[in-house]
Amino acid sequence: MDTMLRVSAAAVLLAVAACSRPPPPDTDKPPEPQAARPQATELRDAIQAPQDKARAVEDEVQQAADAQRAAIDAAGG
């Protein structure tokens, strides 16, 4: 019976400790900006890569379209 009381008390103490609020952040020092971290550029690079690739091909596609338009005009269309 005494062991059961101790186990119950320990369980209650653990439950109360788990439900307590975390300590508030230190207000003396402002948080560091997260954008300065090198890991933060991975998502931006993943988004930017396809856009850069499309910009690189844009001139070639425009030249092909102009050539096709000129060929159609030359054929009388």
PDB file of N, CA and C in Angstrom:
ATOM      1  N   MET A   1       0.822  -1.190   0.000  1.00  0.00           N
ATOM      2  CA  MET A   1       0.000   0.000   0.000  1.00  0.00           C
ATOM      3  C   MET A   1       0.870   1.259   0.000  1.00  0.00           C
ATOM      4  N   ASP A   2       1.935   1.221   0.757  1.00  0.00           N
ATOM      5  CA  ASP A   2       2.837   2.363   0.837  1.00  0.00           C
ATOM      6  C   ASP A   2       3.517   2.591  -0.520  1.00  0.00           C
ATOM      7  N   THR A   3       3.849   1.514  -1.234  1.00  0.00           N
ATOM      8  CA  THR A   3       4.478   1.622  -2.545  1.00  0.00           C
ATOM      9  C   THR A   3       3.501   2.229  -3.544  1.00  0.00           C
ATOM     10  N   MET A   4       2.256   1.835  -3.439  1.00  0.00           N
ATOM     11  CA  MET A   4       1.236   2.367  -4.338  1.00  0.00           C
ATOM     12  C   MET A   4       1.063   3.868  -4.129  1.00  0.00           C
ATOM     13  N   LEU A   5       1.134   4.329  -2.906  1.00  0.00           N
ATOM     14  CA  LEU A   5       1.017   5.747  -2.593  1.00  0.00           C
ATOM     15  C   LEU A   5       2.204   6.512  -3.166  1.00  0.00           C
ATOM     16  N   ARG A   6       3.392   5.963  -3.045  1.00  0.00           N
ATOM     17  CA  ARG A   6       4.596   6.609  -3.578  1.00  0.00           C
ATOM     18  C   ARG A   6       4.550   6.683  -5.112  1.00  0.00           C
ATOM     19  N   VAL A   7       4.113   5.626  -5.746  1.00  0.00           N
ATOM     20  CA  VAL A   7       4.006   5.604  -7.204  1.00  0.00           C
ATOM     21  C   VAL A   7       2.972   6.630  -7.665  1.00  0.00           C
ATOM     22  N   SER A   8       1.859   6.711  -6.964  1.00  0.00           N
ATOM     23  CA  SER A   8       0.817   7.674  -7.317  1.00  0.00           C
ATOM     24  C   SER A   8       1.324   9.104  -7.130  1.00  0.00           C
ATOM     25  N   ALA A   9       2.038   9.350  -6.048  1.00  0.00           N
ATOM     26  CA  ALA A   9       2.578  10.683  -5.794  1.00  0.00           C
ATOM     27  C   ALA A   9       3.598  11.058  -6.865  1.00  0.00           C
ATOM     28  N   ALA A  10       4.446  10.113  -7.247  1.00  0.00           N
ATOM     29  CA  ALA A  10       5.437  10.381  -8.290  1.00  0.00           C
ATOM     30  C   ALA A  10       4.752  10.668  -9.621  1.00  0.00           C
ATOM     31  N   ALA A  11       3.686   9.940  -9.927  1.00  0.00           N
ATOM     32  CA  ALA A  11       2.961  10.156 -11.174  1.00  0.00           C
ATOM     33  C   ALA A  11       2.312  11.535 -11.186  1.00  0.00           C
ATOM     34  N   VAL A  12       1.761  11.942 -10.062  1.00  0.00           N
ATOM     35  CA  VAL A  12       1.136  13.267  -9.973  1.00  0.00           C
ATOM     36  C   VAL A  12       2.197  14.358 -10.134  1.00  0.00           C
ATOM     37  N   LEU A  13       3.347  14.190  -9.487  1.00  0.00           N
ATOM     38  CA  LEU A  13       4.420  15.179  -9.606  1.00  0.00           C
ATOM     39  C   LEU A  13       4.914  15.287 -11.049  1.00  0.00           C
ATOM     40  N   LEU A  14       5.052  14.165 -11.737  1.00  0.00           N
ATOM     41  CA  LEU A  14       5.482  14.194 -13.132  1.00  0.00           C
ATOM     42  C   LEU A  14       4.444  14.870 -14.021  1.00  0.00           C
ATOM     43  N   ALA A  15       3.191  14.618 -13.761  1.00  0.00           N
ATOM     44  CA  ALA A  15       2.125  15.233 -14.553  1.00  0.00           C
ATOM     45  C   ALA A  15       2.096  16.747 -14.340  1.00  0.00           C
ATOM     46  N   VAL A  16       2.277  17.187 -13.110  1.00  0.00           N
ATOM     47  CA  VAL A  16       2.280  18.620 -12.821  1.00  0.00           C
ATOM     48  C   VAL A  16       3.509  19.277 -13.455  1.00  0.00           C
ATOM     49  N   ALA A  17       4.650  18.621 -13.401  1.00  0.00           N
ATOM     50  CA  ALA A  17       5.867  19.182 -13.984  1.00  0.00           C
ATOM     51  C   ALA A  17       5.747  19.255 -15.504  1.00  0.00           C
ATOM     52  N   ALA A  18       5.084  18.293 -16.112  1.00  0.00           N
ATOM     53  CA  ALA A  18       4.931  18.280 -17.568  1.00  0.00           C
ATOM     54  C   ALA A  18       3.964  19.360 -18.033  1.00  0.00           C
ATOM     55  N   CYS A  19       3.048  19.768 -17.208  1.00  0.00           N
ATOM     56  CA  CYS A  19       2.051  20.762 -17.589  1.00  0.00           C
ATOM     57  C   CYS A  19       2.483  22.188 -17.288  1.00  0.00           C
ATOM     58  N   SER A  20       3.623  22.384 -16.687  1.00  0.00           N
ATOM     59  CA  SER A  20       4.041  23.742 -16.351  1.00  0.00           C
ATOM     60  C   SER A  20       4.496  24.484 -17.593  1.00  0.00           C
ATOM     61  N   ARG A  21       4.431  25.807 -17.569  1.00  0.00           N
ATOM     62  CA  ARG A  21       4.808  26.640 -18.698  1.00  0.00           C
ATOM     63  C   ARG A  21       6.327  26.652 -18.852  1.00  0.00           C
ATOM     64  N   PRO A  22       6.795  26.800 -20.078  1.00  0.00           N
ATOM     65  CA  PRO A  22       8.238  26.940 -20.266  1.00  0.00           C
ATOM     66  C   PRO A  22       8.675  28.317 -19.771  1.00  0.00           C
ATOM     67  N   PRO A  23       9.919  28.474 -19.420  1.00  0.00           N
ATOM     68  CA  PRO A  23      10.368  29.771 -18.933  1.00  0.00           C
ATOM     69  C   PRO A  23      10.308  30.810 -20.052  1.00  0.00           C
ATOM     70  N   PRO A  24       9.982  32.055 -19.719  1.00  0.00           N
ATOM     71  CA  PRO A  24       9.897  33.082 -20.755  1.00  0.00           C
ATOM     72  C   PRO A  24      11.270  33.374 -21.342  1.00  0.00           C
ATOM     73  N   PRO A  25      11.333  33.813 -22.588  1.00  0.00           N
ATOM     74  CA  PRO A  25      12.626  34.096 -23.200  1.00  0.00           C
ATOM     75  C   PRO A  25      13.288  35.286 -22.530  1.00  0.00           C
ATOM     76  N   ASP A  26      14.593  35.328 -22.604  1.00  0.00           N
ATOM     77  CA  ASP A  26      15.369  36.406 -22.014  1.00  0.00           C
ATOM     78  C   ASP A  26      15.125  37.682 -22.815  1.00  0.00           C
ATOM     79  N   THR A  27      14.635  38.720 -22.147  1.00  0.00           N
ATOM     80  CA  THR A  27      14.308  39.960 -22.842  1.00  0.00           C
ATOM     81  C   THR A  27      15.486  40.914 -22.907  1.00  0.00           C
ATOM     82  N   ASP A  28      16.563  40.624 -22.214  1.00  0.00           N
ATOM     83  CA  ASP A  28      17.726  41.500 -22.254  1.00  0.00           C
ATOM     84  C   ASP A  28      18.427  41.456 -23.604  1.00  0.00           C
ATOM     85  N   LYS A  29      18.451  40.304 -24.215  1.00  0.00           N
ATOM     86  CA  LYS A  29      19.143  40.135 -25.498  1.00  0.00           C
ATOM     87  C   LYS A  29      18.115  39.816 -26.577  1.00  0.00           C
ATOM     88  N   PRO A  30      18.039  40.604 -27.647  1.00  0.00           N
ATOM     89  CA  PRO A  30      17.063  40.300 -28.709  1.00  0.00           C
ATOM     90  C   PRO A  30      17.446  39.011 -29.431  1.00  0.00           C
ATOM     91  N   PRO A  31      16.457  38.314 -29.993  1.00  0.00           N
ATOM     92  CA  PRO A  31      16.765  37.068 -30.708  1.00  0.00           C
ATOM     93  C   PRO A  31      17.573  37.351 -31.966  1.00  0.00           C
ATOM     94  N   GLU A  32      18.401  36.400 -32.336  1.00  0.00           N
ATOM     95  CA  GLU A  32      19.205  36.541 -33.544  1.00  0.00           C
ATOM     96  C   GLU A  32      18.316  36.339 -34.773  1.00  0.00           C
ATOM     97  N   PRO A  33      18.536  37.116 -35.827  1.00  0.00           N
ATOM     98  CA  PRO A  33      17.728  36.915 -37.031  1.00  0.00           C
ATOM     99  C   PRO A  33      18.027  35.561 -37.663  1.00  0.00           C
ATOM    100  N   GLN A  34      16.999  34.881 -38.084  1.00  0.00           N
ATOM    101  CA  GLN A  34      17.178  33.545 -38.632  1.00  0.00           C
ATOM    102  C   GLN A  34      17.589  33.577 -40.094  1.00  0.00           C
ATOM    103  N   ALA A  35      17.390  34.673 -40.779  1.00  0.00           N
ATOM    104  CA  ALA A  35      17.745  34.751 -42.194  1.00  0.00           C
ATOM    105  C   ALA A  35      19.250  34.758 -42.410  1.00  0.00           C
ATOM    106  N   ALA A  36      20.021  35.071 -41.374  1.00  0.00           N
ATOM    107  CA  ALA A  36      21.472  35.132 -41.514  1.00  0.00           C
ATOM    108  C   ALA A  36      22.105  33.738 -41.522  1.00  0.00           C
ATOM    109  N   ARG A  37      21.334  32.746 -41.133  1.00  0.00           N
ATOM    110  CA  ARG A  37      21.887  31.397 -41.101  1.00  0.00           C
ATOM    111  C   ARG A  37      22.048  30.846 -42.509  1.00  0.00           C
ATOM    112  N   PRO A  38      23.144  30.117 -42.785  1.00  0.00           N
ATOM    113  CA  PRO A  38      23.318  29.561 -44.128  1.00  0.00           C
ATOM    114  C   PRO A  38      22.260  28.513 -44.478  1.00  0.00           C
ATOM    115  N   GLN A  39      21.694  27.819 -43.511  1.00  0.00           N
ATOM    116  CA  GLN A  39      20.698  26.803 -43.788  1.00  0.00           C
ATOM    117  C   GLN A  39      19.404  27.430 -44.290  1.00  0.00           C
ATOM    118  N   ALA A  40      19.183  28.696 -43.987  1.00  0.00           N
ATOM    119  CA  ALA A  40      17.934  29.340 -44.380  1.00  0.00           C
ATOM    120  C   ALA A  40      17.872  29.598 -45.883  1.00  0.00           C
ATOM    121  N   THR A  41      18.968  29.469 -46.592  1.00  0.00           N
ATOM    122  CA  THR A  41      18.964  29.742 -48.023  1.00  0.00           C
ATOM    123  C   THR A  41      18.596  28.520 -48.854  1.00  0.00           C
ATOM    124  N   GLU A  42      18.488  27.371 -48.248  1.00  0.00           N
ATOM    125  CA  GLU A  42      18.187  26.155 -49.012  1.00  0.00           C
ATOM    126  C   GLU A  42      16.825  26.240 -49.691  1.00  0.00           C
ATOM    127  N   LEU A  43      15.821  26.694 -48.985  1.00  0.00           N
ATOM    128  CA  LEU A  43      14.488  26.804 -49.570  1.00  0.00           C
ATOM    129  C   LEU A  43      14.478  27.860 -50.665  1.00  0.00           C
ATOM    130  N   ARG A  44      15.112  28.996 -50.398  1.00  0.00           N
ATOM    131  CA  ARG A  44      15.163  30.050 -51.406  1.00  0.00           C
ATOM    132  C   ARG A  44      15.867  29.563 -52.663  1.00  0.00           C
ATOM    133  N   ASP A  45      16.970  28.836 -52.500  1.00  0.00           N
ATOM    134  CA  ASP A  45      17.697  28.307 -53.655  1.00  0.00           C
ATOM    135  C   ASP A  45      16.849  27.305 -54.426  1.00  0.00           C
ATOM    136  N   ALA A  46      16.080  26.491 -53.714  1.00  0.00           N
ATOM    137  CA  ALA A  46      15.229  25.505 -54.375  1.00  0.00           C
ATOM    138  C   ALA A  46      14.131  26.183 -55.192  1.00  0.00           C
ATOM    139  N   ILE A  47      13.661  27.325 -54.731  1.00  0.00           N
ATOM    140  CA  ILE A  47      12.640  28.060 -55.466  1.00  0.00           C
ATOM    141  C   ILE A  47      13.266  28.832 -56.617  1.00  0.00           C
ATOM    142  N   GLN A  48      14.439  29.386 -56.392  1.00  0.00           N
ATOM    143  CA  GLN A  48      15.084  30.256 -57.361  1.00  0.00           C
ATOM    144  C   GLN A  48      15.671  29.490 -58.548  1.00  0.00           C
ATOM    145  N   ALA A  49      16.117  28.258 -58.365  1.00  0.00           N
ATOM    146  CA  ALA A  49      16.801  27.506 -59.427  1.00  0.00           C
ATOM    147  C   ALA A  49      15.942  27.336 -60.682  1.00  0.00           C
ATOM    148  N   PRO A  50      14.691  26.888 -60.597  1.00  0.00           N
ATOM    149  CA  PRO A  50      13.892  26.759 -61.817  1.00  0.00           C
ATOM    150  C   PRO A  50      13.621  28.105 -62.492  1.00  0.00           C
ATOM    151  N   GLN A  51      13.493  29.156 -61.693  1.00  0.00           N
ATOM    152  CA  GLN A  51      13.267  30.479 -62.278  1.00  0.00           C
ATOM    153  C   GLN A  51      14.503  30.945 -63.042  1.00  0.00           C
ATOM    154  N   ASP A  52      15.680  30.709 -62.486  1.00  0.00           N
ATOM    155  CA  ASP A  52      16.920  31.077 -63.180  1.00  0.00           C
ATOM    156  C   ASP A  52      17.070  30.292 -64.480  1.00  0.00           C
ATOM    157  N   LYS A  53      16.700  29.019 -64.432  1.00  0.00           N
ATOM    158  CA  LYS A  53      16.792  28.174 -65.626  1.00  0.00           C
ATOM    159  C   LYS A  53      15.841  28.688 -66.718  1.00  0.00           C
ATOM    160  N   ALA A  54      14.652  29.095 -66.320  1.00  0.00           N
ATOM    161  CA  ALA A  54      13.685  29.616 -67.292  1.00  0.00           C
ATOM    162  C   ALA A  54      14.168  30.936 -67.892  1.00  0.00           C
ATOM    163  N   ARG A  55      14.778  31.777 -67.078  1.00  0.00           N
ATOM    164  CA  ARG A  55      15.301  33.039 -67.606  1.00  0.00           C
ATOM    165  C   ARG A  55      16.434  32.803 -68.595  1.00  0.00           C
ATOM    166  N   ALA A  56      17.233  31.768 -68.344  1.00  0.00           N
ATOM    167  CA  ALA A  56      18.355  31.467 -69.230  1.00  0.00           C
ATOM    168  C   ALA A  56      17.864  31.003 -70.600  1.00  0.00           C
ATOM    169  N   VAL A  57      16.724  30.341 -70.669  1.00  0.00           N
ATOM    170  CA  VAL A  57      16.207  29.784 -71.913  1.00  0.00           C
ATOM    171  C   VAL A  57      15.267  30.770 -72.621  1.00  0.00           C
ATOM    172  N   GLU A  58      14.850  31.810 -71.920  1.00  0.00           N
ATOM    173  CA  GLU A  58      13.845  32.725 -72.464  1.00  0.00           C
ATOM    174  C   GLU A  58      14.270  33.366 -73.788  1.00  0.00           C
ATOM    175  N   ASP A  59      15.490  33.818 -73.915  1.00  0.00           N
ATOM    176  CA  ASP A  59      15.952  34.443 -75.160  1.00  0.00           C
ATOM    177  C   ASP A  59      15.932  33.459 -76.328  1.00  0.00           C
ATOM    178  N   GLU A  60      16.356  32.224 -76.057  1.00  0.00           N
ATOM    179  CA  GLU A  60      16.376  31.204 -77.113  1.00  0.00           C
ATOM    180  C   GLU A  60      14.957  30.905 -77.603  1.00  0.00           C
ATOM    181  N   VAL A  61      14.019  30.825 -76.676  1.00  0.00           N
ATOM    182  CA  VAL A  61      12.629  30.551 -77.044  1.00  0.00           C
ATOM    183  C   VAL A  61      12.060  31.733 -77.837  1.00  0.00           C
ATOM    184  N   GLN A  62      12.391  32.945 -77.438  1.00  0.00           N
ATOM    185  CA  GLN A  62      11.899  34.126 -78.155  1.00  0.00           C
ATOM    186  C   GLN A  62      12.461  34.179 -79.574  1.00  0.00           C
ATOM    187  N   GLN A  63      13.728  33.839 -79.745  1.00  0.00           N
ATOM    188  CA  GLN A  63      14.329  33.827 -81.080  1.00  0.00           C
ATOM    189  C   GLN A  63      13.667  32.770 -81.960  1.00  0.00           C
ATOM    190  N   ALA A  64      13.379  31.598 -81.387  1.00  0.00           N
ATOM    191  CA  ALA A  64      12.719  30.543 -82.156  1.00  0.00           C
ATOM    192  C   ALA A  64      11.317  30.984 -82.566  1.00  0.00           C
ATOM    193  N   ALA A  65      10.613  31.661 -81.669  1.00  0.00           N
ATOM    194  CA  ALA A  65       9.265  32.138 -81.997  1.00  0.00           C
ATOM    195  C   ALA A  65       9.320  33.191 -83.095  1.00  0.00           C
ATOM    196  N   ASP A  66      10.303  34.092 -83.029  1.00  0.00           N
ATOM    197  CA  ASP A  66      10.446  35.106 -84.073  1.00  0.00           C
ATOM    198  C   ASP A  66      10.767  34.478 -85.420  1.00  0.00           C
ATOM    199  N   ALA A  67      11.638  33.465 -85.419  1.00  0.00           N
ATOM    200  CA  ALA A  67      11.993  32.786 -86.651  1.00  0.00           C
ATOM    201  C   ALA A  67      10.790  32.069 -87.247  1.00  0.00           C
ATOM    202  N   GLN A  68       9.990  31.432 -86.397  1.00  0.00           N
ATOM    203  CA  GLN A  68       8.793  30.740 -86.863  1.00  0.00           C
ATOM    204  C   GLN A  68       7.781  31.742 -87.430  1.00  0.00           C
ATOM    205  N   ARG A  69       7.618  32.860 -86.782  1.00  0.00           N
ATOM    206  CA  ARG A  69       6.695  33.884 -87.253  1.00  0.00           C
ATOM    207  C   ARG A  69       7.161  34.436 -88.603  1.00  0.00           C
ATOM    208  N   ALA A  70       8.472  34.640 -88.734  1.00  0.00           N
ATOM    209  CA  ALA A  70       9.009  35.138 -90.003  1.00  0.00           C
ATOM    210  C   ALA A  70       8.810  34.114 -91.114  1.00  0.00           C
ATOM    211  N   ALA A  71       8.959  32.818 -90.814  1.00  0.00           N
ATOM    212  CA  ALA A  71       8.770  31.777 -91.810  1.00  0.00           C
ATOM    213  C   ALA A  71       7.309  31.718 -92.253  1.00  0.00           C
ATOM    214  N   ILE A  72       6.403  31.894 -91.328  1.00  0.00           N
ATOM    215  CA  ILE A  72       4.976  31.873 -91.664  1.00  0.00           C
ATOM    216  C   ILE A  72       4.638  33.089 -92.548  1.00  0.00           C
ATOM    217  N   ASP A  73       5.179  34.233 -92.161  1.00  0.00           N
ATOM    218  CA  ASP A  73       4.930  35.448 -92.978  1.00  0.00           C
ATOM    219  C   ASP A  73       5.527  35.315 -94.367  1.00  0.00           C
ATOM    220  N   ALA A  74       6.715  34.696 -94.462  1.00  0.00           N
ATOM    221  CA  ALA A  74       7.371  34.521 -95.765  1.00  0.00           C
ATOM    222  C   ALA A  74       6.595  33.532 -96.634  1.00  0.00           C
ATOM    223  N   ALA A  75       5.931  32.562 -96.007  1.00  0.00           N
ATOM    224  CA  ALA A  75       5.171  31.575 -96.768  1.00  0.00           C
ATOM    225  C   ALA A  75       3.834  32.123 -97.217  1.00  0.00           C
ATOM    226  N   GLY A  76       3.506  33.312 -96.768  1.00  0.00           N
ATOM    227  CA  GLY A  76       2.240  33.914 -97.217  1.00  0.00           C
ATOM    228  C   GLY A  76       1.116  33.693 -96.264  1.00  0.00           C
ATOM    229  N   GLY A  77       1.439  33.310 -95.038  1.00  0.00           N
ATOM    230  CA  GLY A  77       0.358  33.010 -94.100  1.00  0.00           C
ATOM    231  C   GLY A  77       0.052  34.103 -93.233  1.00  0.00           C
TER     232      GLY A  77
END
